[in-house]
Amino acid sequence: MKLSVNFDVDFNAVELVVRRSIIAFIGNLAPSETLYTSALIEAARSVSGVRDVAFFNRGTNTPLDNQYPATPRAAIRTNSTSINISNSEAV
C-alpha cells in the first residue's frame, strides 16, 4: 500500500493509525464477506491526516482487486506484519 499524508502531520504516527484501522476493518468482516477495495480505501482515508492511499497486490504495482474468501465459511483476516505501507511522497 502507498500512503500519502498531509504535510503538517507525522507520517509514522498516521501510518500506525492507518495500519490499526485496516486490521480492525478486515477483522470485522464476517465469514464469506467480500473485502471490497473501495471499502478498504474508505477505511484508510477516514484516518485524520491521510491525503491519499492506494492498495496493490503484494510485491507488485498491480492495483488490488476485491478479495473473496476461499470458502463460504472462511473469513478474510490480516495482521500487522502482512501489511506493507510505503510513503508515496518519498521518491
N, C-alpha and C. Protein backbone atom coordinates (compact mmCIF):
# COMPACT_ATOMS: atom_id res chain seq x y z
N MET A 1 0.84 -1.16 0.00
CA MET A 1 0.00 0.00 0.00
C MET A 1 0.89 1.22 0.00
N LYS A 2 0.43 2.25 -0.71
CA LYS A 2 1.13 3.53 -0.69
C LYS A 2 0.26 4.53 0.03
N LEU A 3 0.87 5.26 0.93
CA LEU A 3 0.16 6.21 1.78
C LEU A 3 0.75 7.60 1.58
N SER A 4 -0.12 8.56 1.38
CA SER A 4 0.27 9.95 1.30
C SER A 4 -0.44 10.70 2.42
N VAL A 5 0.33 11.44 3.21
CA VAL A 5 -0.26 12.16 4.34
C VAL A 5 -0.13 13.67 4.13
N ASN A 6 -0.94 14.41 4.85
CA ASN A 6 -0.85 15.86 4.80
C ASN A 6 0.53 16.31 5.27
N PHE A 7 0.98 17.43 4.78
CA PHE A 7 2.33 17.91 5.08
C PHE A 7 2.52 18.30 6.54
N ASP A 8 1.44 18.60 7.24
CA ASP A 8 1.55 19.07 8.62
C ASP A 8 1.41 17.96 9.66
N VAL A 9 1.50 16.69 9.24
CA VAL A 9 1.39 15.58 10.18
C VAL A 9 2.61 14.67 10.06
N ASP A 10 2.84 13.89 11.11
CA ASP A 10 3.94 12.95 11.15
C ASP A 10 3.55 11.66 10.44
N PHE A 11 4.29 11.31 9.39
CA PHE A 11 3.96 10.11 8.61
C PHE A 11 3.87 8.88 9.49
N ASN A 12 4.84 8.68 10.36
CA ASN A 12 4.88 7.46 11.18
C ASN A 12 3.67 7.34 12.10
N ALA A 13 3.23 8.46 12.66
CA ALA A 13 2.06 8.43 13.55
C ALA A 13 0.80 8.08 12.76
N VAL A 14 0.64 8.68 11.60
CA VAL A 14 -0.55 8.41 10.77
C VAL A 14 -0.49 6.98 10.25
N GLU A 15 0.69 6.53 9.84
CA GLU A 15 0.85 5.17 9.33
C GLU A 15 0.42 4.14 10.36
N LEU A 16 0.76 4.35 11.62
CA LEU A 16 0.38 3.42 12.69
C LEU A 16 -1.14 3.35 12.85
N VAL A 17 -1.79 4.50 12.81
CA VAL A 17 -3.25 4.53 12.94
C VAL A 17 -3.91 3.89 11.73
N VAL A 18 -3.39 4.13 10.53
CA VAL A 18 -3.92 3.51 9.31
C VAL A 18 -3.77 2.00 9.40
N ARG A 19 -2.62 1.53 9.82
CA ARG A 19 -2.37 0.09 9.96
C ARG A 19 -3.41 -0.53 10.90
N ARG A 20 -3.61 0.08 12.04
CA ARG A 20 -4.59 -0.43 13.02
C ARG A 20 -6.00 -0.38 12.46
N SER A 21 -6.31 0.67 11.72
CA SER A 21 -7.64 0.81 11.12
C SER A 21 -7.90 -0.30 10.11
N ILE A 22 -6.91 -0.61 9.30
CA ILE A 22 -7.05 -1.66 8.29
C ILE A 22 -7.25 -3.02 8.97
N ILE A 23 -6.44 -3.29 9.99
CA ILE A 23 -6.56 -4.56 10.71
C ILE A 23 -7.94 -4.70 11.34
N ALA A 24 -8.42 -3.63 11.96
CA ALA A 24 -9.75 -3.67 12.59
C ALA A 24 -10.85 -3.84 11.54
N PHE A 25 -10.73 -3.12 10.44
CA PHE A 25 -11.73 -3.22 9.38
C PHE A 25 -11.83 -4.64 8.84
N ILE A 26 -10.68 -5.22 8.51
CA ILE A 26 -10.67 -6.57 7.96
C ILE A 26 -11.10 -7.58 9.02
N GLY A 27 -10.71 -7.35 10.27
CA GLY A 27 -11.09 -8.24 11.35
C GLY A 27 -12.59 -8.28 11.61
N ASN A 28 -13.30 -7.25 11.17
CA ASN A 28 -14.75 -7.19 11.36
C ASN A 28 -15.53 -7.79 10.19
N LEU A 29 -14.83 -8.25 9.16
CA LEU A 29 -15.53 -8.90 8.06
C LEU A 29 -16.09 -10.24 8.53
N ALA A 30 -17.32 -10.51 8.16
CA ALA A 30 -17.96 -11.78 8.52
C ALA A 30 -17.45 -12.89 7.61
N PRO A 31 -17.58 -14.14 8.05
CA PRO A 31 -17.25 -15.25 7.15
C PRO A 31 -18.03 -15.11 5.84
N SER A 32 -17.38 -15.37 4.76
CA SER A 32 -17.87 -15.30 3.38
C SER A 32 -18.05 -13.87 2.88
N GLU A 33 -17.75 -12.87 3.69
CA GLU A 33 -17.91 -11.47 3.26
C GLU A 33 -16.74 -11.05 2.37
N THR A 34 -17.05 -10.40 1.27
CA THR A 34 -16.05 -9.91 0.33
C THR A 34 -15.35 -8.68 0.90
N LEU A 35 -14.05 -8.60 0.68
CA LEU A 35 -13.29 -7.41 1.02
C LEU A 35 -13.25 -6.54 -0.22
N TYR A 36 -14.07 -5.49 -0.21
CA TYR A 36 -14.12 -4.57 -1.35
C TYR A 36 -13.00 -3.55 -1.21
N THR A 37 -12.22 -3.40 -2.26
CA THR A 37 -11.10 -2.47 -2.24
C THR A 37 -11.57 -1.06 -1.93
N SER A 38 -12.72 -0.66 -2.47
CA SER A 38 -13.23 0.68 -2.21
C SER A 38 -13.52 0.90 -0.73
N ALA A 39 -14.00 -0.13 -0.04
CA ALA A 39 -14.27 -0.02 1.40
C ALA A 39 -12.97 0.05 2.18
N LEU A 40 -11.96 -0.67 1.72
CA LEU A 40 -10.65 -0.64 2.37
C LEU A 40 -10.02 0.75 2.23
N ILE A 41 -10.15 1.33 1.05
CA ILE A 41 -9.66 2.69 0.83
C ILE A 41 -10.40 3.67 1.74
N GLU A 42 -11.70 3.52 1.82
CA GLU A 42 -12.50 4.40 2.68
C GLU A 42 -12.07 4.29 4.14
N ALA A 43 -11.79 3.08 4.60
CA ALA A 43 -11.34 2.89 5.99
C ALA A 43 -10.01 3.60 6.24
N ALA A 44 -9.09 3.50 5.30
CA ALA A 44 -7.79 4.15 5.45
C ALA A 44 -7.92 5.67 5.34
N ARG A 45 -8.75 6.13 4.40
CA ARG A 45 -8.91 7.58 4.20
C ARG A 45 -9.65 8.25 5.36
N SER A 46 -10.35 7.47 6.18
CA SER A 46 -11.08 8.05 7.31
C SER A 46 -10.14 8.48 8.44
N VAL A 47 -8.88 8.07 8.37
CA VAL A 47 -7.90 8.44 9.39
C VAL A 47 -7.47 9.89 9.16
N SER A 48 -7.51 10.66 10.22
CA SER A 48 -7.11 12.07 10.15
C SER A 48 -5.66 12.18 9.68
N GLY A 49 -5.42 13.04 8.72
CA GLY A 49 -4.07 13.28 8.20
C GLY A 49 -3.78 12.55 6.92
N VAL A 50 -4.65 11.60 6.52
CA VAL A 50 -4.43 10.86 5.27
C VAL A 50 -4.89 11.71 4.10
N ARG A 51 -4.01 11.88 3.13
CA ARG A 51 -4.35 12.63 1.92
C ARG A 51 -4.78 11.68 0.80
N ASP A 52 -4.04 10.58 0.64
CA ASP A 52 -4.38 9.62 -0.40
C ASP A 52 -3.82 8.26 -0.02
N VAL A 53 -4.40 7.23 -0.61
CA VAL A 53 -3.96 5.86 -0.34
C VAL A 53 -4.23 5.01 -1.58
N ALA A 54 -3.35 4.05 -1.82
CA ALA A 54 -3.53 3.11 -2.93
C ALA A 54 -3.10 1.73 -2.45
N PHE A 55 -3.87 0.73 -2.82
CA PHE A 55 -3.58 -0.65 -2.43
C PHE A 55 -3.14 -1.44 -3.65
N PHE A 56 -2.14 -2.29 -3.46
CA PHE A 56 -1.57 -3.09 -4.54
C PHE A 56 -1.46 -4.54 -4.09
N ASN A 57 -1.43 -5.45 -5.08
CA ASN A 57 -1.12 -6.84 -4.78
C ASN A 57 0.29 -6.88 -4.23
N ARG A 58 0.52 -7.70 -3.25
CA ARG A 58 1.80 -7.77 -2.55
C ARG A 58 2.96 -7.94 -3.54
N GLY A 59 3.96 -7.08 -3.41
CA GLY A 59 5.17 -7.17 -4.21
C GLY A 59 5.03 -6.75 -5.66
N THR A 60 3.92 -6.06 -5.99
CA THR A 60 3.71 -5.65 -7.38
C THR A 60 3.21 -4.21 -7.42
N ASN A 61 3.06 -3.70 -8.63
CA ASN A 61 2.41 -2.41 -8.84
C ASN A 61 1.02 -2.60 -9.40
N THR A 62 0.48 -3.80 -9.26
CA THR A 62 -0.86 -4.13 -9.75
C THR A 62 -1.88 -3.74 -8.70
N PRO A 63 -2.83 -2.88 -9.04
CA PRO A 63 -3.85 -2.48 -8.06
C PRO A 63 -4.58 -3.70 -7.49
N LEU A 64 -4.90 -3.61 -6.22
CA LEU A 64 -5.59 -4.68 -5.52
C LEU A 64 -7.04 -4.76 -5.98
N ASP A 65 -7.46 -5.96 -6.37
CA ASP A 65 -8.84 -6.21 -6.71
C ASP A 65 -9.61 -6.59 -5.45
N ASN A 66 -10.92 -6.63 -5.55
CA ASN A 66 -11.72 -7.13 -4.45
C ASN A 66 -11.24 -8.53 -4.09
N GLN A 67 -11.28 -8.83 -2.80
CA GLN A 67 -10.80 -10.13 -2.32
C GLN A 67 -11.98 -10.96 -1.83
N TYR A 68 -11.98 -12.23 -2.21
CA TYR A 68 -13.08 -13.12 -1.85
C TYR A 68 -12.55 -14.24 -0.96
N PRO A 69 -13.30 -14.61 0.07
CA PRO A 69 -12.87 -15.72 0.93
C PRO A 69 -12.74 -17.02 0.13
N ALA A 70 -11.85 -17.88 0.57
CA ALA A 70 -11.58 -19.13 -0.14
C ALA A 70 -12.78 -20.07 -0.14
N THR A 71 -13.55 -20.04 0.93
CA THR A 71 -14.74 -20.88 1.04
C THR A 71 -15.85 -20.08 1.69
N PRO A 72 -17.10 -20.53 1.59
CA PRO A 72 -18.20 -19.79 2.22
C PRO A 72 -18.08 -19.64 3.73
N ARG A 73 -17.32 -20.50 4.37
CA ARG A 73 -17.17 -20.40 5.83
C ARG A 73 -15.90 -19.65 6.24
N ALA A 74 -15.08 -19.31 5.28
CA ALA A 74 -13.81 -18.64 5.56
C ALA A 74 -14.02 -17.14 5.73
N ALA A 75 -13.18 -16.55 6.55
CA ALA A 75 -13.20 -15.10 6.74
C ALA A 75 -11.81 -14.56 6.39
N ILE A 76 -11.78 -13.43 5.72
CA ILE A 76 -10.52 -12.78 5.38
C ILE A 76 -9.96 -12.12 6.63
N ARG A 77 -8.70 -12.35 6.92
CA ARG A 77 -8.04 -11.77 8.08
C ARG A 77 -6.65 -11.29 7.70
N THR A 78 -6.09 -10.41 8.51
CA THR A 78 -4.72 -9.95 8.31
C THR A 78 -4.11 -9.62 9.66
N ASN A 79 -2.83 -9.28 9.66
CA ASN A 79 -2.16 -8.83 10.86
C ASN A 79 -1.14 -7.76 10.47
N SER A 80 -0.54 -7.17 11.44
CA SER A 80 0.35 -6.03 11.21
C SER A 80 1.52 -6.38 10.29
N THR A 81 2.06 -7.58 10.41
CA THR A 81 3.23 -7.93 9.60
C THR A 81 2.86 -8.24 8.14
N SER A 82 1.58 -8.41 7.86
CA SER A 82 1.15 -8.70 6.49
C SER A 82 0.88 -7.43 5.68
N ILE A 83 0.98 -6.28 6.32
CA ILE A 83 0.66 -5.02 5.66
C ILE A 83 1.95 -4.24 5.44
N ASN A 84 2.27 -3.99 4.18
CA ASN A 84 3.43 -3.17 3.83
C ASN A 84 2.95 -1.79 3.42
N ILE A 85 3.39 -0.77 4.15
CA ILE A 85 2.98 0.61 3.86
C ILE A 85 4.22 1.41 3.49
N SER A 86 4.16 2.05 2.33
CA SER A 86 5.27 2.92 1.92
C SER A 86 4.77 4.35 1.80
N ASN A 87 5.69 5.27 1.95
CA ASN A 87 5.38 6.69 1.84
C ASN A 87 5.39 7.06 0.36
N SER A 88 4.24 7.39 -0.17
CA SER A 88 4.17 7.71 -1.60
C SER A 88 4.85 9.03 -1.93
N GLU A 89 5.20 9.80 -0.93
CA GLU A 89 5.88 11.08 -1.15
C GLU A 89 7.39 10.89 -1.19
N ALA A 90 7.87 9.76 -0.66
CA ALA A 90 9.32 9.50 -0.62
C ALA A 90 9.74 8.84 -1.92
N VAL A 91 10.19 9.65 -2.86
CA VAL A 91 10.57 9.12 -4.17
C VAL A 91 12.07 9.24 -4.33
